Amino acid sequence: MPIKPEKIKALKEEMERLNINDLDLKEEFILSSSKGGQKVNKTSSSVFLLHIPSNISVKYTKSRSRELNRYYARKLLCEKIQEQVFSEKTDKQKKLEKKKKQKKRRKRKTQKKLEE
């Protein structure tokens, strides 16, 4: 499943916005330890990225495709740098915080019911 050119372009723009240059990245392809049978055991499809200036590293292995793993590893690296360096919250973090707040409210309501 190839990645659409629009998504690649959007990722490049995001990397430019965060001042991430491809020359600053150390990229390695390693054997993955996920599902996939013999194919996974023979090919190095897992991607390890290291952003040298900030010393932030990412390992991505969800797909058997090297290109998909490269794309998603870069995307994950952008999210981590955005979170750590710029102190901005990503969409995933906002959703997780919202869920935590909802669970707290539910816990309080059940405790009140038990006390009554």
PDB file of N, CA and C in Angstrom:
ATOM      1  N   MET A   1       0.850  -1.176   0.000  1.00  0.00           N
ATOM      2  CA  MET A   1       0.000   0.000   0.000  1.00  0.00           C
ATOM      3  C   MET A   1       0.897   1.241   0.000  1.00  0.00           C
ATOM      4  N   PRO A   2       1.028   1.894  -1.133  1.00  0.00           N
ATOM      5  CA  PRO A   2       1.889   3.076  -1.202  1.00  0.00           C
ATOM      6  C   PRO A   2       1.270   4.272  -0.480  1.00  0.00           C
ATOM      7  N   ILE A   3       2.120   5.183  -0.088  1.00  0.00           N
ATOM      8  CA  ILE A   3       1.683   6.376   0.622  1.00  0.00           C
ATOM      9  C   ILE A   3       1.333   7.442  -0.410  1.00  0.00           C
ATOM     10  N   LYS A   4       0.247   8.142  -0.188  1.00  0.00           N
ATOM     11  CA  LYS A   4      -0.196   9.169  -1.136  1.00  0.00           C
ATOM     12  C   LYS A   4       0.788  10.341  -1.133  1.00  0.00           C
ATOM     13  N   PRO A   5       1.009  10.937  -2.310  1.00  0.00           N
ATOM     14  CA  PRO A   5       1.941  12.072  -2.396  1.00  0.00           C
ATOM     15  C   PRO A   5       1.540  13.258  -1.525  1.00  0.00           C
ATOM     16  N   GLU A   6       0.237  13.435  -1.308  1.00  0.00           N
ATOM     17  CA  GLU A   6      -0.223  14.547  -0.458  1.00  0.00           C
ATOM     18  C   GLU A   6       0.265  14.360   0.975  1.00  0.00           C
ATOM     19  N   LYS A   7       0.223  13.110   1.453  1.00  0.00           N
ATOM     20  CA  LYS A   7       0.674  12.833   2.817  1.00  0.00           C
ATOM     21  C   LYS A   7       2.177  13.041   2.951  1.00  0.00           C
ATOM     22  N   ILE A   8       2.930  12.639   1.944  1.00  0.00           N
ATOM     23  CA  ILE A   8       4.384  12.830   1.975  1.00  0.00           C
ATOM     24  C   ILE A   8       4.710  14.316   1.974  1.00  0.00           C
ATOM     25  N   LYS A   9       3.985  15.070   1.157  1.00  0.00           N
ATOM     26  CA  LYS A   9       4.200  16.520   1.091  1.00  0.00           C
ATOM     27  C   LYS A   9       3.871  17.179   2.429  1.00  0.00           C
ATOM     28  N   ALA A  10       2.767  16.758   3.046  1.00  0.00           N
ATOM     29  CA  ALA A  10       2.372  17.316   4.347  1.00  0.00           C
ATOM     30  C   ALA A  10       3.420  16.991   5.416  1.00  0.00           C
ATOM     31  N   LEU A  11       3.976  15.788   5.366  1.00  0.00           N
ATOM     32  CA  LEU A  11       5.012  15.405   6.333  1.00  0.00           C
ATOM     33  C   LEU A  11       6.271  16.245   6.144  1.00  0.00           C
ATOM     34  N   LYS A  12       6.666  16.466   4.895  1.00  0.00           N
ATOM     35  CA  LYS A  12       7.846  17.299   4.625  1.00  0.00           C
ATOM     36  C   LYS A  12       7.646  18.722   5.123  1.00  0.00           C
ATOM     37  N   GLU A  13       6.435  19.260   4.937  1.00  0.00           N
ATOM     38  CA  GLU A  13       6.139  20.607   5.430  1.00  0.00           C
ATOM     39  C   GLU A  13       6.204  20.661   6.950  1.00  0.00           C
ATOM     40  N   GLU A  14       5.696  19.621   7.600  1.00  0.00           N
ATOM     41  CA  GLU A  14       5.742  19.546   9.061  1.00  0.00           C
ATOM     42  C   GLU A  14       7.185  19.476   9.552  1.00  0.00           C
ATOM     43  N   MET A  15       8.005  18.693   8.849  1.00  0.00           N
ATOM     44  CA  MET A  15       9.414  18.585   9.229  1.00  0.00           C
ATOM     45  C   MET A  15      10.132  19.920   9.039  1.00  0.00           C
ATOM     46  N   GLU A  16       9.801  20.650   7.992  1.00  0.00           N
ATOM     47  CA  GLU A  16      10.394  21.975   7.778  1.00  0.00           C
ATOM     48  C   GLU A  16       9.961  22.946   8.871  1.00  0.00           C
ATOM     49  N   ARG A  17       8.695  22.856   9.266  1.00  0.00           N
ATOM     50  CA  ARG A  17       8.173  23.744  10.313  1.00  0.00           C
ATOM     51  C   ARG A  17       8.890  23.507  11.640  1.00  0.00           C
ATOM     52  N   LEU A  18       9.231  22.242  11.910  1.00  0.00           N
ATOM     53  CA  LEU A  18       9.914  21.890  13.157  1.00  0.00           C
ATOM     54  C   LEU A  18      11.442  21.943  13.025  1.00  0.00           C
ATOM     55  N   ASN A  19      11.933  22.386  11.884  1.00  0.00           N
ATOM     56  CA  ASN A  19      13.374  22.494  11.609  1.00  0.00           C
ATOM     57  C   ASN A  19      14.077  21.143  11.711  1.00  0.00           C
ATOM     58  N   ILE A  20      13.460  20.119  11.142  1.00  0.00           N
ATOM     59  CA  ILE A  20      14.062  18.794  11.091  1.00  0.00           C
ATOM     60  C   ILE A  20      14.593  18.591   9.676  1.00  0.00           C
ATOM     61  N   ASN A  21      15.880  18.417   9.564  1.00  0.00           N
ATOM     62  CA  ASN A  21      16.514  18.208   8.270  1.00  0.00           C
ATOM     63  C   ASN A  21      16.869  16.727   8.131  1.00  0.00           C
ATOM     64  N   ASP A  22      16.766  16.191   6.924  1.00  0.00           N
ATOM     65  CA  ASP A  22      17.106  14.778   6.714  1.00  0.00           C
ATOM     66  C   ASP A  22      18.572  14.496   7.025  1.00  0.00           C
ATOM     67  N   LEU A  23      19.417  15.508   6.902  1.00  0.00           N
ATOM     68  CA  LEU A  23      20.834  15.320   7.212  1.00  0.00           C
ATOM     69  C   LEU A  23      21.074  15.171   8.713  1.00  0.00           C
ATOM     70  N   ASP A  24      20.134  15.662   9.526  1.00  0.00           N
ATOM     71  CA  ASP A  24      20.251  15.552  10.977  1.00  0.00           C
ATOM     72  C   ASP A  24      19.750  14.213  11.506  1.00  0.00           C
ATOM     73  N   LEU A  25      19.188  13.394  10.628  1.00  0.00           N
ATOM     74  CA  LEU A  25      18.622  12.117  11.042  1.00  0.00           C
ATOM     75  C   LEU A  25      19.585  10.974  10.762  1.00  0.00           C
ATOM     76  N   LYS A  26      19.709  10.098  11.727  1.00  0.00           N
ATOM     77  CA  LYS A  26      20.457   8.859  11.520  1.00  0.00           C
ATOM     78  C   LYS A  26      19.411   7.753  11.408  1.00  0.00           C
ATOM     79  N   GLU A  27      19.382   7.106  10.262  1.00  0.00           N
ATOM     80  CA  GLU A  27      18.346   6.114   9.981  1.00  0.00           C
ATOM     81  C   GLU A  27      18.977   4.738   9.829  1.00  0.00           C
ATOM     82  N   GLU A  28      18.402   3.761  10.541  1.00  0.00           N
ATOM     83  CA  GLU A  28      18.873   2.384  10.455  1.00  0.00           C
ATOM     84  C   GLU A  28      17.682   1.474  10.220  1.00  0.00           C
ATOM     85  N   PHE A  29      17.910   0.423   9.438  1.00  0.00           N
ATOM     86  CA  PHE A  29      16.891  -0.589   9.218  1.00  0.00           C
ATOM     87  C   PHE A  29      17.339  -1.851   9.930  1.00  0.00           C
ATOM     88  N   ILE A  30      16.484  -2.325  10.828  1.00  0.00           N
ATOM     89  CA  ILE A  30      16.845  -3.475  11.649  1.00  0.00           C
ATOM     90  C   ILE A  30      15.777  -4.558  11.536  1.00  0.00           C
ATOM     91  N   LEU A  31      16.126  -5.768  11.941  1.00  0.00           N
ATOM     92  CA  LEU A  31      15.156  -6.855  11.943  1.00  0.00           C
ATOM     93  C   LEU A  31      14.069  -6.563  12.966  1.00  0.00           C
ATOM     94  N   SER A  32      12.825  -6.755  12.557  1.00  0.00           N
ATOM     95  CA  SER A  32      11.728  -6.492  13.481  1.00  0.00           C
ATOM     96  C   SER A  32      11.364  -7.767  14.223  1.00  0.00           C
ATOM     97  N   SER A  33      10.659  -7.600  15.295  1.00  0.00           N
ATOM     98  CA  SER A  33      10.258  -8.754  16.094  1.00  0.00           C
ATOM     99  C   SER A  33       8.746  -8.827  16.202  1.00  0.00           C
ATOM    100  N   SER A  34       8.067  -8.565  15.094  1.00  0.00           N
ATOM    101  CA  SER A  34       6.610  -8.561  15.118  1.00  0.00           C
ATOM    102  C   SER A  34       6.067  -9.733  14.319  1.00  0.00           C
ATOM    103  N   LYS A  35       4.759  -9.761  14.164  1.00  0.00           N
ATOM    104  CA  LYS A  35       4.106 -10.812  13.397  1.00  0.00           C
ATOM    105  C   LYS A  35       4.477 -10.665  11.925  1.00  0.00           C
ATOM    106  N   GLY A  36       4.453 -11.755  11.196  1.00  0.00           N
ATOM    107  CA  GLY A  36       4.744 -11.689   9.777  1.00  0.00           C
ATOM    108  C   GLY A  36       5.463 -12.914   9.272  1.00  0.00           C
ATOM    109  N   GLY A  37       5.825 -13.804  10.154  1.00  0.00           N
ATOM    110  CA  GLY A  37       6.427 -15.064   9.749  1.00  0.00           C
ATOM    111  C   GLY A  37       7.828 -14.917   9.190  1.00  0.00           C
ATOM    112  N   GLN A  38       8.122 -15.730   8.196  1.00  0.00           N
ATOM    113  CA  GLN A  38       9.474 -15.757   7.638  1.00  0.00           C
ATOM    114  C   GLN A  38       9.868 -14.440   7.001  1.00  0.00           C
ATOM    115  N   LYS A  39       8.914 -13.745   6.435  1.00  0.00           N
ATOM    116  CA  LYS A  39       9.215 -12.467   5.780  1.00  0.00           C
ATOM    117  C   LYS A  39       9.884 -11.501   6.760  1.00  0.00           C
ATOM    118  N   VAL A  40       9.361 -11.410   7.958  1.00  0.00           N
ATOM    119  CA  VAL A  40       9.914 -10.506   8.967  1.00  0.00           C
ATOM    120  C   VAL A  40      11.290 -10.974   9.421  1.00  0.00           C
ATOM    121  N   ASN A  41      11.481 -12.279   9.506  1.00  0.00           N
ATOM    122  CA  ASN A  41      12.754 -12.799   9.976  1.00  0.00           C
ATOM    123  C   ASN A  41      13.887 -12.598   8.973  1.00  0.00           C
ATOM    124  N   LYS A  42      13.560 -12.444   7.698  1.00  0.00           N
ATOM    125  CA  LYS A  42      14.590 -12.342   6.661  1.00  0.00           C
ATOM    126  C   LYS A  42      14.935 -10.908   6.281  1.00  0.00           C
ATOM    127  N   THR A  43      13.971 -10.000   6.363  1.00  0.00           N
ATOM    128  CA  THR A  43      14.210  -8.641   5.880  1.00  0.00           C
ATOM    129  C   THR A  43      14.307  -7.656   7.038  1.00  0.00           C
ATOM    130  N   SER A  44      15.037  -6.600   6.820  1.00  0.00           N
ATOM    131  CA  SER A  44      15.166  -5.540   7.823  1.00  0.00           C
ATOM    132  C   SER A  44      14.152  -4.449   7.501  1.00  0.00           C
ATOM    133  N   SER A  45      12.950  -4.595   8.029  1.00  0.00           N
ATOM    134  CA  SER A  45      11.891  -3.646   7.702  1.00  0.00           C
ATOM    135  C   SER A  45      11.592  -2.678   8.843  1.00  0.00           C
ATOM    136  N   SER A  46      12.095  -2.927  10.010  1.00  0.00           N
ATOM    137  CA  SER A  46      11.892  -2.030  11.137  1.00  0.00           C
ATOM    138  C   SER A  46      12.808  -0.815  10.994  1.00  0.00           C
ATOM    139  N   VAL A  47      12.304   0.359  11.362  1.00  0.00           N
ATOM    140  CA  VAL A  47      13.054   1.601  11.164  1.00  0.00           C
ATOM    141  C   VAL A  47      13.419   2.203  12.518  1.00  0.00           C
ATOM    142  N   PHE A  48      14.670   2.565  12.662  1.00  0.00           N
ATOM    143  CA  PHE A  48      15.160   3.267  13.856  1.00  0.00           C
ATOM    144  C   PHE A  48      15.664   4.629  13.401  1.00  0.00           C
ATOM    145  N   LEU A  49      15.081   5.696  13.946  1.00  0.00           N
ATOM    146  CA  LEU A  49      15.486   7.065  13.615  1.00  0.00           C
ATOM    147  C   LEU A  49      16.057   7.738  14.848  1.00  0.00           C
ATOM    148  N   LEU A  50      17.134   8.473  14.658  1.00  0.00           N
ATOM    149  CA  LEU A  50      17.741   9.254  15.725  1.00  0.00           C
ATOM    150  C   LEU A  50      17.930  10.667  15.216  1.00  0.00           C
ATOM    151  N   HIS A  51      17.304  11.624  15.893  1.00  0.00           N
ATOM    152  CA  HIS A  51      17.494  13.034  15.554  1.00  0.00           C
ATOM    153  C   HIS A  51      18.682  13.516  16.379  1.00  0.00           C
ATOM    154  N   ILE A  52      19.809  13.722  15.709  1.00  0.00           N
ATOM    155  CA  ILE A  52      21.078  13.971  16.383  1.00  0.00           C
ATOM    156  C   ILE A  52      21.082  15.252  17.226  1.00  0.00           C
ATOM    157  N   PRO A  53      20.576  16.401  16.729  1.00  0.00           N
ATOM    158  CA  PRO A  53      20.638  17.616  17.555  1.00  0.00           C
ATOM    159  C   PRO A  53      19.864  17.521  18.878  1.00  0.00           C
ATOM    160  N   SER A  54      18.692  16.885  18.855  1.00  0.00           N
ATOM    161  CA  SER A  54      17.888  16.797  20.079  1.00  0.00           C
ATOM    162  C   SER A  54      18.046  15.460  20.796  1.00  0.00           C
ATOM    163  N   ASN A  55      18.734  14.503  20.174  1.00  0.00           N
ATOM    164  CA  ASN A  55      18.969  13.176  20.739  1.00  0.00           C
ATOM    165  C   ASN A  55      17.660  12.428  21.034  1.00  0.00           C
ATOM    166  N   ILE A  56      16.663  12.628  20.182  1.00  0.00           N
ATOM    167  CA  ILE A  56      15.385  11.938  20.310  1.00  0.00           C
ATOM    168  C   ILE A  56      15.390  10.769  19.331  1.00  0.00           C
ATOM    169  N   SER A  57      15.023   9.587  19.820  1.00  0.00           N
ATOM    170  CA  SER A  57      15.030   8.411  18.965  1.00  0.00           C
ATOM    171  C   SER A  57      13.644   7.787  18.884  1.00  0.00           C
ATOM    172  N   VAL A  58      13.396   7.115  17.755  1.00  0.00           N
ATOM    173  CA  VAL A  58      12.110   6.477  17.487  1.00  0.00           C
ATOM    174  C   VAL A  58      12.377   5.146  16.798  1.00  0.00           C
ATOM    175  N   LYS A  59      11.646   4.118  17.198  1.00  0.00           N
ATOM    176  CA  LYS A  59      11.692   2.832  16.509  1.00  0.00           C
ATOM    177  C   LYS A  59      10.265   2.490  16.102  1.00  0.00           C
ATOM    178  N   TYR A  60      10.079   2.135  14.842  1.00  0.00           N
ATOM    179  CA  TYR A  60       8.734   1.850  14.342  1.00  0.00           C
ATOM    180  C   TYR A  60       8.728   0.529  13.592  1.00  0.00           C
ATOM    181  N   THR A  61       7.743  -0.336  13.914  1.00  0.00           N
ATOM    182  CA  THR A  61       7.715  -1.685  13.354  1.00  0.00           C
ATOM    183  C   THR A  61       6.306  -2.176  13.039  1.00  0.00           C
ATOM    184  N   LYS A  62       5.337  -1.345  12.910  1.00  0.00           N
ATOM    185  CA  LYS A  62       3.956  -1.809  12.786  1.00  0.00           C
ATOM    186  C   LYS A  62       3.658  -2.545  11.485  1.00  0.00           C
ATOM    187  N   SER A  63       4.302  -2.166  10.399  1.00  0.00           N
ATOM    188  CA  SER A  63       4.004  -2.744   9.098  1.00  0.00           C
ATOM    189  C   SER A  63       5.158  -3.626   8.621  1.00  0.00           C
ATOM    190  N   ARG A  64       4.875  -4.494   7.643  1.00  0.00           N
ATOM    191  CA  ARG A  64       5.941  -5.285   7.047  1.00  0.00           C
ATOM    192  C   ARG A  64       6.644  -4.509   5.940  1.00  0.00           C
ATOM    193  N   SER A  65       6.069  -3.393   5.545  1.00  0.00           N
ATOM    194  CA  SER A  65       6.637  -2.580   4.483  1.00  0.00           C
ATOM    195  C   SER A  65       7.639  -1.575   5.053  1.00  0.00           C
ATOM    196  N   ARG A  66       8.814  -1.525   4.462  1.00  0.00           N
ATOM    197  CA  ARG A  66       9.855  -0.610   4.929  1.00  0.00           C
ATOM    198  C   ARG A  66       9.445   0.846   4.700  1.00  0.00           C
ATOM    199  N   GLU A  67       8.835   1.130   3.547  1.00  0.00           N
ATOM    200  CA  GLU A  67       8.455   2.504   3.220  1.00  0.00           C
ATOM    201  C   GLU A  67       7.384   3.033   4.174  1.00  0.00           C
ATOM    202  N   LEU A  68       6.404   2.194   4.495  1.00  0.00           N
ATOM    203  CA  LEU A  68       5.378   2.617   5.463  1.00  0.00           C
ATOM    204  C   LEU A  68       6.004   2.878   6.831  1.00  0.00           C
ATOM    205  N   ASN A  69       6.896   2.002   7.247  1.00  0.00           N
ATOM    206  CA  ASN A  69       7.560   2.180   8.532  1.00  0.00           C
ATOM    207  C   ASN A  69       8.403   3.458   8.540  1.00  0.00           C
ATOM    208  N   ARG A  70       9.067   3.775   7.426  1.00  0.00           N
ATOM    209  CA  ARG A  70       9.866   5.009   7.340  1.00  0.00           C
ATOM    210  C   ARG A  70       8.967   6.229   7.500  1.00  0.00           C
ATOM    211  N   TYR A  71       7.832   6.216   6.798  1.00  0.00           N
ATOM    212  CA  TYR A  71       6.895   7.342   6.852  1.00  0.00           C
ATOM    213  C   TYR A  71       6.368   7.548   8.270  1.00  0.00           C
ATOM    214  N   TYR A  72       5.889   6.465   8.876  1.00  0.00           N
ATOM    215  CA  TYR A  72       5.299   6.595  10.209  1.00  0.00           C
ATOM    216  C   TYR A  72       6.347   6.882  11.285  1.00  0.00           C
ATOM    217  N   ALA A  73       7.569   6.421  11.094  1.00  0.00           N
ATOM    218  CA  ALA A  73       8.628   6.735  12.053  1.00  0.00           C
ATOM    219  C   ALA A  73       8.935   8.235  12.012  1.00  0.00           C
ATOM    220  N   ARG A  74       8.981   8.806  10.822  1.00  0.00           N
ATOM    221  CA  ARG A  74       9.213  10.250  10.695  1.00  0.00           C
ATOM    222  C   ARG A  74       8.057  11.041  11.308  1.00  0.00           C
ATOM    223  N   LYS A  75       6.854  10.547  11.090  1.00  0.00           N
ATOM    224  CA  LYS A  75       5.678  11.217  11.649  1.00  0.00           C
ATOM    225  C   LYS A  75       5.718  11.180  13.183  1.00  0.00           C
ATOM    226  N   LEU A  76       6.077  10.038  13.734  1.00  0.00           N
ATOM    227  CA  LEU A  76       6.189   9.889  15.181  1.00  0.00           C
ATOM    228  C   LEU A  76       7.308  10.756  15.741  1.00  0.00           C
ATOM    229  N   LEU A  77       8.407  10.848  15.014  1.00  0.00           N
ATOM    230  CA  LEU A  77       9.515  11.707  15.430  1.00  0.00           C
ATOM    231  C   LEU A  77       9.079  13.164  15.475  1.00  0.00           C
ATOM    232  N   CYS A  78       8.315  13.597  14.484  1.00  0.00           N
ATOM    233  CA  CYS A  78       7.798  14.974  14.473  1.00  0.00           C
ATOM    234  C   CYS A  78       6.934  15.232  15.703  1.00  0.00           C
ATOM    235  N   GLU A  79       6.083  14.257  16.052  1.00  0.00           N
ATOM    236  CA  GLU A  79       5.223  14.419  17.225  1.00  0.00           C
ATOM    237  C   GLU A  79       6.046  14.525  18.505  1.00  0.00           C
ATOM    238  N   LYS A  80       7.067  13.681  18.625  1.00  0.00           N
ATOM    239  CA  LYS A  80       7.909  13.720  19.832  1.00  0.00           C
ATOM    240  C   LYS A  80       8.665  15.030  19.948  1.00  0.00           C
ATOM    241  N   ILE A  81       9.210  15.507  18.841  1.00  0.00           N
ATOM    242  CA  ILE A  81       9.958  16.763  18.872  1.00  0.00           C
ATOM    243  C   ILE A  81       9.017  17.924  19.176  1.00  0.00           C
ATOM    244  N   GLN A  82       7.838  17.881  18.590  1.00  0.00           N
ATOM    245  CA  GLN A  82       6.847  18.924  18.851  1.00  0.00           C
ATOM    246  C   GLN A  82       6.488  18.955  20.336  1.00  0.00           C
ATOM    247  N   GLU A  83       6.362  17.786  20.931  1.00  0.00           N
ATOM    248  CA  GLU A  83       6.004  17.684  22.346  1.00  0.00           C
ATOM    249  C   GLU A  83       7.151  18.133  23.251  1.00  0.00           C
ATOM    250  N   GLN A  84       8.357  17.636  23.014  1.00  0.00           N
ATOM    251  CA  GLN A  84       9.464  17.879  23.933  1.00  0.00           C
ATOM    252  C   GLN A  84      10.124  19.231  23.738  1.00  0.00           C
ATOM    253  N   VAL A  85      10.398  19.602  22.509  1.00  0.00           N
ATOM    254  CA  VAL A  85      11.152  20.816  22.256  1.00  0.00           C
ATOM    255  C   VAL A  85      10.264  22.052  22.300  1.00  0.00           C
ATOM    256  N   PHE A  86       9.096  21.960  21.663  1.00  0.00           N
ATOM    257  CA  PHE A  86       8.237  23.129  21.567  1.00  0.00           C
ATOM    258  C   PHE A  86       7.134  23.154  22.613  1.00  0.00           C
ATOM    259  N   SER A  87       7.036  22.147  23.433  1.00  0.00           N
ATOM    260  CA  SER A  87       6.032  22.038  24.497  1.00  0.00           C
ATOM    261  C   SER A  87       4.614  22.188  23.965  1.00  0.00           C
ATOM    262  N   GLU A  88       4.381  21.707  22.753  1.00  0.00           N
ATOM    263  CA  GLU A  88       3.051  21.721  22.172  1.00  0.00           C
ATOM    264  C   GLU A  88       2.436  20.339  22.341  1.00  0.00           C
ATOM    265  N   LYS A  89       1.154  20.311  22.578  1.00  0.00           N
ATOM    266  CA  LYS A  89       0.474  19.034  22.738  1.00  0.00           C
ATOM    267  C   LYS A  89      -0.061  18.577  21.385  1.00  0.00           C
ATOM    268  N   THR A  90       0.140  17.308  21.093  1.00  0.00           N
ATOM    269  CA  THR A  90      -0.346  16.750  19.842  1.00  0.00           C
ATOM    270  C   THR A  90      -1.809  16.348  19.992  1.00  0.00           C
ATOM    271  N   ASP A  91      -2.438  16.011  18.882  1.00  0.00           N
ATOM    272  CA  ASP A  91      -3.840  15.601  18.909  1.00  0.00           C
ATOM    273  C   ASP A  91      -4.033  14.347  19.755  1.00  0.00           C
ATOM    274  N   LYS A  92      -3.091  13.421  19.673  1.00  0.00           N
ATOM    275  CA  LYS A  92      -3.191  12.195  20.473  1.00  0.00           C
ATOM    276  C   LYS A  92      -3.182  12.517  21.960  1.00  0.00           C
ATOM    277  N   GLN A  93      -2.298  13.412  22.367  1.00  0.00           N
ATOM    278  CA  GLN A  93      -2.205  13.765  23.783  1.00  0.00           C
ATOM    279  C   GLN A  93      -3.479  14.440  24.259  1.00  0.00           C
ATOM    280  N   LYS A  94      -4.042  15.304  23.432  1.00  0.00           N
ATOM    281  CA  LYS A  94      -5.285  15.988  23.803  1.00  0.00           C
ATOM    282  C   LYS A  94      -6.417  14.985  23.995  1.00  0.00           C
ATOM    283  N   LYS A  95      -6.492  13.981  23.106  1.00  0.00           N
ATOM    284  CA  LYS A  95      -7.533  12.965  23.233  1.00  0.00           C
ATOM    285  C   LYS A  95      -7.344  12.128  24.489  1.00  0.00           C
ATOM    286  N   LEU A  96      -6.085  11.765  24.802  1.00  0.00           N
ATOM    287  CA  LEU A  96      -5.820  10.983  26.008  1.00  0.00           C
ATOM    288  C   LEU A  96      -6.185  11.751  27.271  1.00  0.00           C
ATOM    289  N   GLU A  97      -5.853  13.039  27.309  1.00  0.00           N
ATOM    290  CA  GLU A  97      -6.201  13.846  28.477  1.00  0.00           C
ATOM    291  C   GLU A  97      -7.706  13.963  28.638  1.00  0.00           C
ATOM    292  N   LYS A  98      -8.405  14.084  27.526  1.00  0.00           N
ATOM    293  CA  LYS A  98      -9.865  14.169  27.581  1.00  0.00           C
ATOM    294  C   LYS A  98     -10.455  12.886  28.159  1.00  0.00           C
ATOM    295  N   LYS A  99      -9.928  11.731  27.732  1.00  0.00           N
ATOM    296  CA  LYS A  99     -10.405  10.443  28.249  1.00  0.00           C
ATOM    297  C   LYS A  99     -10.140  10.321  29.752  1.00  0.00           C
ATOM    298  N   LYS A 100      -8.956  10.770  30.195  1.00  0.00           N
ATOM    299  CA  LYS A 100      -8.628  10.699  31.620  1.00  0.00           C
ATOM    300  C   LYS A 100      -9.592  11.527  32.451  1.00  0.00           C
ATOM    301  N   LYS A 101      -9.924  12.719  31.962  1.00  0.00           N
ATOM    302  CA  LYS A 101     -10.866  13.581  32.678  1.00  0.00           C
ATOM    303  C   LYS A 101     -12.242  12.928  32.767  1.00  0.00           C
ATOM    304  N   GLN A 102     -12.668  12.305  31.664  1.00  0.00           N
ATOM    305  CA  GLN A 102     -13.967  11.643  31.665  1.00  0.00           C
ATOM    306  C   GLN A 102     -13.991  10.499  32.666  1.00  0.00           C
ATOM    307  N   LYS A 103     -12.908   9.732  32.743  1.00  0.00           N
ATOM    308  CA  LYS A 103     -12.846   8.620  33.688  1.00  0.00           C
ATOM    309  C   LYS A 103     -12.862   9.111  35.123  1.00  0.00           C
ATOM    310  N   LYS A 104     -12.181  10.239  35.387  1.00  0.00           N
ATOM    311  CA  LYS A 104     -12.196  10.790  36.742  1.00  0.00           C
ATOM    312  C   LYS A 104     -13.604  11.180  37.149  1.00  0.00           C
ATOM    313  N   ARG A 105     -14.326  11.820  36.223  1.00  0.00           N
ATOM    314  CA  ARG A 105     -15.701  12.217  36.518  1.00  0.00           C
ATOM    315  C   ARG A 105     -16.560  11.006  36.825  1.00  0.00           C
ATOM    316  N   ARG A 106     -16.406   9.943  36.055  1.00  0.00           N
ATOM    317  CA  ARG A 106     -17.173   8.721  36.270  1.00  0.00           C
ATOM    318  C   ARG A 106     -16.858   8.110  37.625  1.00  0.00           C
ATOM    319  N   LYS A 107     -15.585   8.119  38.003  1.00  0.00           N
ATOM    320  CA  LYS A 107     -15.187   7.561  39.297  1.00  0.00           C
ATOM    321  C   LYS A 107     -15.834   8.348  40.431  1.00  0.00           C
ATOM    322  N   ARG A 108     -15.812   9.684  40.312  1.00  0.00           N
ATOM    323  CA  ARG A 108     -16.411  10.512  41.368  1.00  0.00           C
ATOM    324  C   ARG A 108     -17.904  10.249  41.496  1.00  0.00           C
ATOM    325  N   LYS A 109     -18.577  10.111  40.352  1.00  0.00           N
ATOM    326  CA  LYS A 109     -20.020   9.868  40.385  1.00  0.00           C
ATOM    327  C   LYS A 109     -20.352   8.533  41.037  1.00  0.00           C
ATOM    328  N   THR A 110     -19.576   7.503  40.736  1.00  0.00           N
ATOM    329  CA  THR A 110     -19.845   6.195  41.339  1.00  0.00           C
ATOM    330  C   THR A 110     -19.538   6.211  42.816  1.00  0.00           C
ATOM    331  N   GLN A 111     -18.503   6.936  43.239  1.00  0.00           N
ATOM    332  CA  GLN A 111     -18.185   7.038  44.662  1.00  0.00           C
ATOM    333  C   GLN A 111     -19.303   7.748  45.423  1.00  0.00           C
ATOM    334  N   LYS A 112     -19.859   8.789  44.833  1.00  0.00           N
ATOM    335  CA  LYS A 112     -20.953   9.502  45.472  1.00  0.00           C
ATOM    336  C   LYS A 112     -22.172   8.602  45.631  1.00  0.00           C
ATOM    337  N   LYS A 113     -22.436   7.799  44.615  1.00  0.00           N
ATOM    338  CA  LYS A 113     -23.575   6.879  44.688  1.00  0.00           C
ATOM    339  C   LYS A 113     -23.383   5.833  45.780  1.00  0.00           C
ATOM    340  N   LEU A 114     -22.158   5.360  45.941  1.00  0.00           N
ATOM    341  CA  LEU A 114     -21.860   4.367  46.970  1.00  0.00           C
ATOM    342  C   LEU A 114     -21.981   4.961  48.361  1.00  0.00           C
ATOM    343  N   GLU A 115     -21.617   6.211  48.523  1.00  0.00           N
ATOM    344  CA  GLU A 115     -21.676   6.872  49.827  1.00  0.00           C
ATOM    345  C   GLU A 115     -23.128   7.120  50.261  1.00  0.00           C
ATOM    346  N   GLU A 116     -24.017   7.306  49.306  1.00  0.00           N
ATOM    347  CA  GLU A 116     -25.419   7.632  49.638  1.00  0.00           C
ATOM    348  C   GLU A 116     -26.196   6.458  50.100  1.00  0.00           C
TER     349      GLU A 116
END
